PDB file of N, CA and C in Angstrom:
ATOM      1  N   UNK A   1     -63.368  73.143   4.333  1.00  0.00           N
ATOM      2  CA  UNK A   1     -62.426  72.159   4.515  1.00  0.00           C
ATOM      3  C   UNK A   1     -61.066  72.870   5.006  1.00  0.00           C
ATOM      4  N   UNK A   2     -60.356  72.300   5.933  1.00  0.00           N
ATOM      5  CA  UNK A   2     -59.087  72.941   6.480  1.00  0.00           C
ATOM      6  C   UNK A   2     -57.963  72.681   5.523  1.00  0.00           C
ATOM      7  N   UNK A   3     -57.128  73.730   5.521  1.00  0.00           N
ATOM      8  CA  UNK A   3     -55.853  73.512   4.818  1.00  0.00           C
ATOM      9  C   UNK A   3     -54.694  72.920   5.731  1.00  0.00           C
ATOM     10  N   UNK A   4     -55.041  72.587   6.842  1.00  0.00           N
ATOM     11  CA  UNK A   4     -54.019  71.984   7.908  1.00  0.00           C
ATOM     12  C   UNK A   4     -53.761  70.623   7.402  1.00  0.00           C
ATOM     13  N   UNK A   5     -52.472  70.304   7.462  1.00  0.00           N
ATOM     14  CA  UNK A   5     -52.036  68.974   7.196  1.00  0.00           C
ATOM     15  C   UNK A   5     -52.736  67.967   8.166  1.00  0.00           C
ATOM     16  N   UNK A   6     -53.304  66.876   7.801  1.00  0.00           N
ATOM     17  CA  UNK A   6     -54.021  65.950   8.651  1.00  0.00           C
ATOM     18  C   UNK A   6     -53.133  65.438   9.894  1.00  0.00           C
ATOM     19  N   UNK A   7     -51.836  65.207   9.369  1.00  0.00           N
ATOM     20  CA  UNK A   7     -50.904  64.624  10.278  1.00  0.00           C
ATOM     21  C   UNK A   7     -50.517  65.466  11.512  1.00  0.00           C
ATOM     22  N   UNK A   8     -50.908  66.878  11.360  1.00  0.00           N
ATOM     23  CA  UNK A   8     -50.589  67.723  12.390  1.00  0.00           C
ATOM     24  C   UNK A   8     -51.751  67.984  13.345  1.00  0.00           C
ATOM     25  N   UNK A   9     -52.931  67.368  13.024  1.00  0.00           N
ATOM     26  CA  UNK A   9     -54.095  67.606  13.765  1.00  0.00           C
ATOM     27  C   UNK A   9     -54.125  66.722  15.175  1.00  0.00           C
ATOM     28  N   UNK A  10     -54.699  67.256  16.167  1.00  0.00           N
ATOM     29  CA  UNK A  10     -54.906  66.520  17.389  1.00  0.00           C
ATOM     30  C   UNK A  10     -56.035  65.584  17.054  1.00  0.00           C
ATOM     31  N   UNK A  11     -56.202  64.529  17.941  1.00  0.00           N
ATOM     32  CA  UNK A  11     -57.380  63.816  17.776  1.00  0.00           C
ATOM     33  C   UNK A  11     -58.617  64.460  17.731  1.00  0.00           C
ATOM     34  N   UNK A  12     -58.878  65.345  18.704  1.00  0.00           N
ATOM     35  CA  UNK A  12     -60.127  66.120  18.822  1.00  0.00           C
ATOM     36  C   UNK A  12     -60.342  66.963  17.663  1.00  0.00           C
ATOM     37  N   UNK A  13     -59.244  67.705  17.180  1.00  0.00           N
ATOM     38  CA  UNK A  13     -59.489  68.465  15.950  1.00  0.00           C
ATOM     39  C   UNK A  13     -59.802  67.695  14.645  1.00  0.00           C
ATOM     40  N   UNK A  14     -59.088  66.486  14.600  1.00  0.00           N
ATOM     41  CA  UNK A  14     -59.411  65.588  13.349  1.00  0.00           C
ATOM     42  C   UNK A  14     -60.880  65.112  13.577  1.00  0.00           C
ATOM     43  N   UNK A  15     -61.197  64.752  14.685  1.00  0.00           N
ATOM     44  CA  UNK A  15     -62.638  64.204  14.783  1.00  0.00           C
ATOM     45  C   UNK A  15     -63.763  65.340  14.548  1.00  0.00           C
ATOM     46  N   UNK A  16     -63.405  66.475  14.943  1.00  0.00           N
ATOM     47  CA  UNK A  16     -64.384  67.612  14.585  1.00  0.00           C
ATOM     48  C   UNK A  16     -64.465  67.832  13.319  1.00  0.00           C
ATOM     49  N   UNK A  17     -63.289  67.872  12.639  1.00  0.00           N
ATOM     50  CA  UNK A  17     -63.395  68.192  11.179  1.00  0.00           C
ATOM     51  C   UNK A  17     -64.093  66.911  10.395  1.00  0.00           C
ATOM     52  N   UNK A  18     -63.654  65.727  10.859  1.00  0.00           N
ATOM     53  CA  UNK A  18     -64.317  64.564  10.273  1.00  0.00           C
ATOM     54  C   UNK A  18     -65.937  64.662  10.321  1.00  0.00           C
ATOM     55  N   UNK A  19     -66.419  65.015  11.448  1.00  0.00           N
ATOM     56  CA  UNK A  19     -67.807  65.178  11.619  1.00  0.00           C
ATOM     57  C   UNK A  19     -68.399  66.211  10.695  1.00  0.00           C
ATOM     58  N   UNK A  20     -67.757  67.324  10.396  1.00  0.00           N
ATOM     59  CA  UNK A  20     -68.120  68.331   9.549  1.00  0.00           C
ATOM     60  C   UNK A  20     -68.160  67.840   8.131  1.00  0.00           C
ATOM     61  N   UNK A  21     -67.139  67.126   7.796  1.00  0.00           N
ATOM     62  CA  UNK A  21     -67.041  66.517   6.374  1.00  0.00           C
ATOM     63  C   UNK A  21     -68.275  65.595   6.191  1.00  0.00           C
ATOM     64  N   UNK A  22     -68.410  64.655   7.198  1.00  0.00           N
ATOM     65  CA  UNK A  22     -69.552  63.779   7.119  1.00  0.00           C
ATOM     66  C   UNK A  22     -70.845  64.392   6.915  1.00  0.00           C
ATOM     67  N   UNK A  23     -70.995  65.546   7.609  1.00  0.00           N
ATOM     68  CA  UNK A  23     -72.255  66.315   7.607  1.00  0.00           C
ATOM     69  C   UNK A  23     -72.425  67.013   6.212  1.00  0.00           C
ATOM     70  N   UNK A  24     -71.395  67.492   5.625  1.00  0.00           N
ATOM     71  CA  UNK A  24     -71.408  68.059   4.253  1.00  0.00           C
ATOM     72  C   UNK A  24     -71.843  67.020   3.204  1.00  0.00           C
ATOM     73  N   UNK A  25     -71.126  65.968   3.355  1.00  0.00           N
ATOM     74  CA  UNK A  25     -71.504  64.939   2.307  1.00  0.00           C
ATOM     75  C   UNK A  25     -72.949  64.335   2.547  1.00  0.00           C
ATOM     76  N   UNK A  26     -73.322  64.218   3.676  1.00  0.00           N
ATOM     77  CA  UNK A  26     -74.706  63.658   3.853  1.00  0.00           C
ATOM     78  C   UNK A  26     -75.719  64.651   3.465  1.00  0.00           C
ATOM     79  N   UNK A  27     -75.524  66.007   3.507  1.00  0.00           N
ATOM     80  CA  UNK A  27     -76.409  66.983   2.945  1.00  0.00           C
ATOM     81  C   UNK A  27     -76.494  66.899   1.458  1.00  0.00           C
ATOM     82  N   UNK A  28     -75.514  66.520   0.901  1.00  0.00           N
ATOM     83  CA  UNK A  28     -75.576  66.275  -0.679  1.00  0.00           C
ATOM     84  C   UNK A  28     -75.581  67.617  -1.443  1.00  0.00           C
ATOM     85  N   UNK A  29     -75.283  68.758  -0.716  1.00  0.00           N
ATOM     86  CA  UNK A  29     -75.349  70.021  -1.553  1.00  0.00           C
ATOM     87  C   UNK A  29     -74.036  70.476  -2.024  1.00  0.00           C
ATOM     88  N   UNK A  30     -72.983  69.509  -2.157  1.00  0.00           N
ATOM     89  CA  UNK A  30     -71.637  69.938  -2.514  1.00  0.00           C
ATOM     90  C   UNK A  30     -71.452  69.385  -3.979  1.00  0.00           C
ATOM     91  N   UNK A  31     -70.820  70.154  -4.802  1.00  0.00           N
ATOM     92  CA  UNK A  31     -70.451  69.759  -6.183  1.00  0.00           C
ATOM     93  C   UNK A  31     -69.798  68.446  -6.171  1.00  0.00           C
ATOM     94  N   UNK A  32     -69.843  67.678  -7.467  1.00  0.00           N
ATOM     95  CA  UNK A  32     -69.093  66.440  -7.386  1.00  0.00           C
ATOM     96  C   UNK A  32     -67.627  66.542  -7.116  1.00  0.00           C
ATOM     97  N   UNK A  33     -66.900  67.406  -7.782  1.00  0.00           N
ATOM     98  CA  UNK A  33     -65.550  67.558  -7.537  1.00  0.00           C
ATOM     99  C   UNK A  33     -65.179  67.858  -5.999  1.00  0.00           C
ATOM    100  N   UNK A  34     -65.985  68.740  -5.483  1.00  0.00           N
ATOM    101  CA  UNK A  34     -65.678  69.061  -4.038  1.00  0.00           C
ATOM    102  C   UNK A  34     -66.119  67.801  -3.137  1.00  0.00           C
ATOM    103  N   UNK A  35     -67.171  67.036  -3.601  1.00  0.00           N
ATOM    104  CA  UNK A  35     -67.525  65.906  -2.770  1.00  0.00           C
ATOM    105  C   UNK A  35     -66.350  64.837  -2.737  1.00  0.00           C
ATOM    106  N   UNK A  36     -65.583  64.634  -3.945  1.00  0.00           N
ATOM    107  CA  UNK A  36     -64.564  63.762  -4.113  1.00  0.00           C
ATOM    108  C   UNK A  36     -63.424  64.304  -3.099  1.00  0.00           C
ATOM    109  N   UNK A  37     -63.168  65.487  -3.124  1.00  0.00           N
ATOM    110  CA  UNK A  37     -62.133  66.091  -2.302  1.00  0.00           C
ATOM    111  C   UNK A  37     -62.360  65.926  -0.800  1.00  0.00           C
ATOM    112  N   UNK A  38     -63.715  66.099  -0.419  1.00  0.00           N
ATOM    113  CA  UNK A  38     -64.121  66.000   0.811  1.00  0.00           C
ATOM    114  C   UNK A  38     -64.053  64.559   1.258  1.00  0.00           C
ATOM    115  N   UNK A  39     -64.511  63.602   0.513  1.00  0.00           N
ATOM    116  CA  UNK A  39     -64.270  62.239   0.765  1.00  0.00           C
ATOM    117  C   UNK A  39     -62.935  61.782   1.048  1.00  0.00           C
ATOM    118  N   UNK A  40     -61.955  62.317   0.173  1.00  0.00           N
ATOM    119  CA  UNK A  40     -60.494  61.949   0.267  1.00  0.00           C
ATOM    120  C   UNK A  40     -60.054  62.635   1.744  1.00  0.00           C
ATOM    121  N   UNK A  41     -60.457  63.790   2.021  1.00  0.00           N
ATOM    122  CA  UNK A  41     -60.048  64.414   3.275  1.00  0.00           C
ATOM    123  C   UNK A  41     -60.573  63.597   4.444  1.00  0.00           C
ATOM    124  N   UNK A  42     -61.855  63.264   4.352  1.00  0.00           N
ATOM    125  CA  UNK A  42     -62.492  62.467   5.408  1.00  0.00           C
ATOM    126  C   UNK A  42     -61.828  61.143   5.564  1.00  0.00           C
ATOM    127  N   UNK A  43     -61.426  60.454   4.544  1.00  0.00           N
ATOM    128  CA  UNK A  43     -60.699  59.165   4.769  1.00  0.00           C
ATOM    129  C   UNK A  43     -59.361  59.382   5.355  1.00  0.00           C
ATOM    130  N   UNK A  44     -58.701  60.450   5.079  1.00  0.00           N
ATOM    131  CA  UNK A  44     -57.330  60.843   5.725  1.00  0.00           C
ATOM    132  C   UNK A  44     -57.701  61.156   7.263  1.00  0.00           C
ATOM    133  N   UNK A  45     -58.653  61.923   7.605  1.00  0.00           N
ATOM    134  CA  UNK A  45     -58.980  62.183   8.938  1.00  0.00           C
ATOM    135  C   UNK A  45     -59.327  61.003   9.690  1.00  0.00           C
ATOM    136  N   UNK A  46     -60.218  60.056   9.095  1.00  0.00           N
ATOM    137  CA  UNK A  46     -60.404  58.821   9.830  1.00  0.00           C
ATOM    138  C   UNK A  46     -59.247  57.964  10.065  1.00  0.00           C
ATOM    139  N   UNK A  47     -58.360  57.889   9.236  1.00  0.00           N
ATOM    140  CA  UNK A  47     -57.034  57.175   9.432  1.00  0.00           C
ATOM    141  C   UNK A  47     -56.223  57.870  10.658  1.00  0.00           C
ATOM    142  N   UNK A  48     -56.299  59.227  10.644  1.00  0.00           N
ATOM    143  CA  UNK A  48     -55.568  59.871  11.681  1.00  0.00           C
ATOM    144  C   UNK A  48     -56.197  59.619  13.001  1.00  0.00           C
ATOM    145  N   UNK A  49     -57.401  59.511  13.096  1.00  0.00           N
ATOM    146  CA  UNK A  49     -58.175  59.315  14.380  1.00  0.00           C
ATOM    147  C   UNK A  49     -57.907  57.870  14.869  1.00  0.00           C
ATOM    148  N   UNK A  50     -57.865  56.942  13.797  1.00  0.00           N
ATOM    149  CA  UNK A  50     -57.710  55.645  14.170  1.00  0.00           C
ATOM    150  C   UNK A  50     -56.198  55.416  14.822  1.00  0.00           C
ATOM    151  N   UNK A  51     -55.312  56.081  14.059  1.00  0.00           N
ATOM    152  CA  UNK A  51     -54.056  56.038  14.490  1.00  0.00           C
ATOM    153  C   UNK A  51     -53.729  56.588  15.906  1.00  0.00           C
ATOM    154  N   UNK A  52     -54.294  57.817  16.195  1.00  0.00           N
ATOM    155  CA  UNK A  52     -54.155  58.323  17.501  1.00  0.00           C
ATOM    156  C   UNK A  52     -54.807  57.504  18.600  1.00  0.00           C
ATOM    157  N   UNK A  53     -55.920  56.782  18.274  1.00  0.00           N
ATOM    158  CA  UNK A  53     -56.722  55.901  19.217  1.00  0.00           C
ATOM    159  C   UNK A  53     -55.729  54.690  19.502  1.00  0.00           C
ATOM    160  N   UNK A  54     -55.146  54.250  18.448  1.00  0.00           N
ATOM    161  CA  UNK A  54     -54.282  53.037  18.610  1.00  0.00           C
ATOM    162  C   UNK A  54     -53.074  53.398  19.445  1.00  0.00           C
ATOM    163  N   UNK A  55     -52.569  54.621  19.193  1.00  0.00           N
ATOM    164  CA  UNK A  55     -51.414  55.096  20.094  1.00  0.00           C
ATOM    165  C   UNK A  55     -51.761  55.179  21.446  1.00  0.00           C
ATOM    166  N   UNK A  56     -52.903  55.740  21.739  1.00  0.00           N
ATOM    167  CA  UNK A  56     -53.422  55.863  23.110  1.00  0.00           C
ATOM    168  C   UNK A  56     -53.730  54.516  23.731  1.00  0.00           C
ATOM    169  N   UNK A  57     -54.218  53.611  23.060  1.00  0.00           N
ATOM    170  CA  UNK A  57     -54.457  52.217  23.547  1.00  0.00           C
ATOM    171  C   UNK A  57     -53.120  51.479  23.971  1.00  0.00           C
ATOM    172  N   UNK A  58     -52.201  51.710  23.088  1.00  0.00           N
ATOM    173  CA  UNK A  58     -50.931  51.141  23.412  1.00  0.00           C
ATOM    174  C   UNK A  58     -50.316  51.762  24.566  1.00  0.00           C
ATOM    175  N   UNK A  59     -50.409  53.053  24.744  1.00  0.00           N
ATOM    176  CA  UNK A  59     -49.929  53.639  25.975  1.00  0.00           C
ATOM    177  C   UNK A  59     -50.456  53.205  27.187  1.00  0.00           C
ATOM    178  N   UNK A  60     -51.871  53.028  27.208  1.00  0.00           N
ATOM    179  CA  UNK A  60     -52.630  52.524  28.425  1.00  0.00           C
ATOM    180  C   UNK A  60     -52.161  51.071  28.591  1.00  0.00           C
ATOM    181  N   UNK A  61     -52.034  50.280  27.561  1.00  0.00           N
ATOM    182  CA  UNK A  61     -51.619  48.973  27.767  1.00  0.00           C
ATOM    183  C   UNK A  61     -50.240  48.719  28.363  1.00  0.00           C
ATOM    184  N   UNK A  62     -49.338  49.764  28.224  1.00  0.00           N
ATOM    185  CA  UNK A  62     -47.916  49.877  28.803  1.00  0.00           C
ATOM    186  C   UNK A  62     -47.865  50.279  30.290  1.00  0.00           C
ATOM    187  N   UNK A  63     -48.930  50.792  30.703  1.00  0.00           N
ATOM    188  CA  UNK A  63     -48.857  51.319  32.071  1.00  0.00           C
ATOM    189  C   UNK A  63     -48.434  50.151  33.134  1.00  0.00           C
ATOM    190  N   UNK A  64     -47.461  50.428  33.816  1.00  0.00           N
ATOM    191  CA  UNK A  64     -46.942  49.372  34.674  1.00  0.00           C
ATOM    192  C   UNK A  64     -47.580  49.668  36.053  1.00  0.00           C
ATOM    193  N   UNK A  65     -47.837  48.563  36.788  1.00  0.00           N
ATOM    194  CA  UNK A  65     -48.447  48.440  38.124  1.00  0.00           C
ATOM    195  C   UNK A  65     -47.461  48.030  39.127  1.00  0.00           C
ATOM    196  N   UNK A  66     -47.621  48.501  40.373  1.00  0.00           N
ATOM    197  CA  UNK A  66     -46.843  47.957  41.392  1.00  0.00           C
ATOM    198  C   UNK A  66     -47.503  46.828  42.154  1.00  0.00           C
ATOM    199  N   UNK A  67     -46.976  46.227  43.154  1.00  0.00           N
ATOM    200  CA  UNK A  67     -47.562  44.993  43.692  1.00  0.00           C
ATOM    201  C   UNK A  67     -48.899  45.199  44.169  1.00  0.00           C
ATOM    202  N   UNK A  68     -49.330  46.445  44.516  1.00  0.00           N
ATOM    203  CA  UNK A  68     -50.657  46.649  44.921  1.00  0.00           C
ATOM    204  C   UNK A  68     -51.712  47.131  43.974  1.00  0.00           C
ATOM    205  N   UNK A  69     -51.191  47.091  42.735  1.00  0.00           N
ATOM    206  CA  UNK A  69     -51.957  47.395  41.645  1.00  0.00           C
ATOM    207  C   UNK A  69     -52.103  48.912  41.202  1.00  0.00           C
ATOM    208  N   UNK A  70     -51.175  49.578  41.808  1.00  0.00           N
ATOM    209  CA  UNK A  70     -51.206  51.127  41.674  1.00  0.00           C
ATOM    210  C   UNK A  70     -50.328  51.365  40.408  1.00  0.00           C
ATOM    211  N   UNK A  71     -50.731  52.252  39.526  1.00  0.00           N
ATOM    212  CA  UNK A  71     -49.880  52.699  38.456  1.00  0.00           C
ATOM    213  C   UNK A  71     -48.611  53.329  38.949  1.00  0.00           C
ATOM    214  N   UNK A  72     -47.412  52.985  38.341  1.00  0.00           N
ATOM    215  CA  UNK A  72     -46.168  53.626  38.768  1.00  0.00           C
ATOM    216  C   UNK A  72     -45.389  54.155  37.695  1.00  0.00           C
ATOM    217  N   UNK A  73     -45.786  53.981  36.510  1.00  0.00           N
ATOM    218  CA  UNK A  73     -45.131  54.402  35.309  1.00  0.00           C
ATOM    219  C   UNK A  73     -45.451  53.755  34.196  1.00  0.00           C
ATOM    220  N   UNK A  74     -44.851  54.104  33.134  1.00  0.00           N
ATOM    221  CA  UNK A  74     -45.110  53.370  31.747  1.00  0.00           C
ATOM    222  C   UNK A  74     -43.875  52.733  31.359  1.00  0.00           C
ATOM    223  N   UNK A  75     -44.084  51.735  30.631  1.00  0.00           N
ATOM    224  CA  UNK A  75     -43.026  50.910  29.979  1.00  0.00           C
ATOM    225  C   UNK A  75     -42.796  51.466  28.613  1.00  0.00           C
ATOM    226  N   UNK A  76     -41.669  51.620  28.018  1.00  0.00           N
ATOM    227  CA  UNK A  76     -41.428  52.070  26.642  1.00  0.00           C
ATOM    228  C   UNK A  76     -42.315  51.403  25.604  1.00  0.00           C
ATOM    229  N   UNK A  77     -42.859  52.124  24.659  1.00  0.00           N
ATOM    230  CA  UNK A  77     -43.769  51.546  23.628  1.00  0.00           C
ATOM    231  C   UNK A  77     -43.053  50.536  22.706  1.00  0.00           C
ATOM    232  N   UNK A  78     -41.741  50.563  22.628  1.00  0.00           N
ATOM    233  CA  UNK A  78     -41.104  49.676  21.735  1.00  0.00           C
ATOM    234  C   UNK A  78     -40.723  48.454  22.447  1.00  0.00           C
ATOM    235  N   UNK A  79     -41.056  48.117  23.610  1.00  0.00           N
ATOM    236  CA  UNK A  79     -40.753  46.884  24.194  1.00  0.00           C
ATOM    237  C   UNK A  79     -41.616  45.744  23.741  1.00  0.00           C
TER     238      UNK A  79
END
């Protein structure tokens, strides 16, 4: 398990670590206290991945198109 703050991880890094956590929990060879810590870390990683995906979806939704349908820029996310 990484000591890196979940909020500092990129989507890809969080996803890789989440896959590792799930694998460890599925094997069942982790002590109970460690399993609880892994589960908590996994829940935080899942939330991070979901937040980064939502952020990306919002950015894509804000792409502006010109009259011919070509992307020309993005609108601010707070509009």
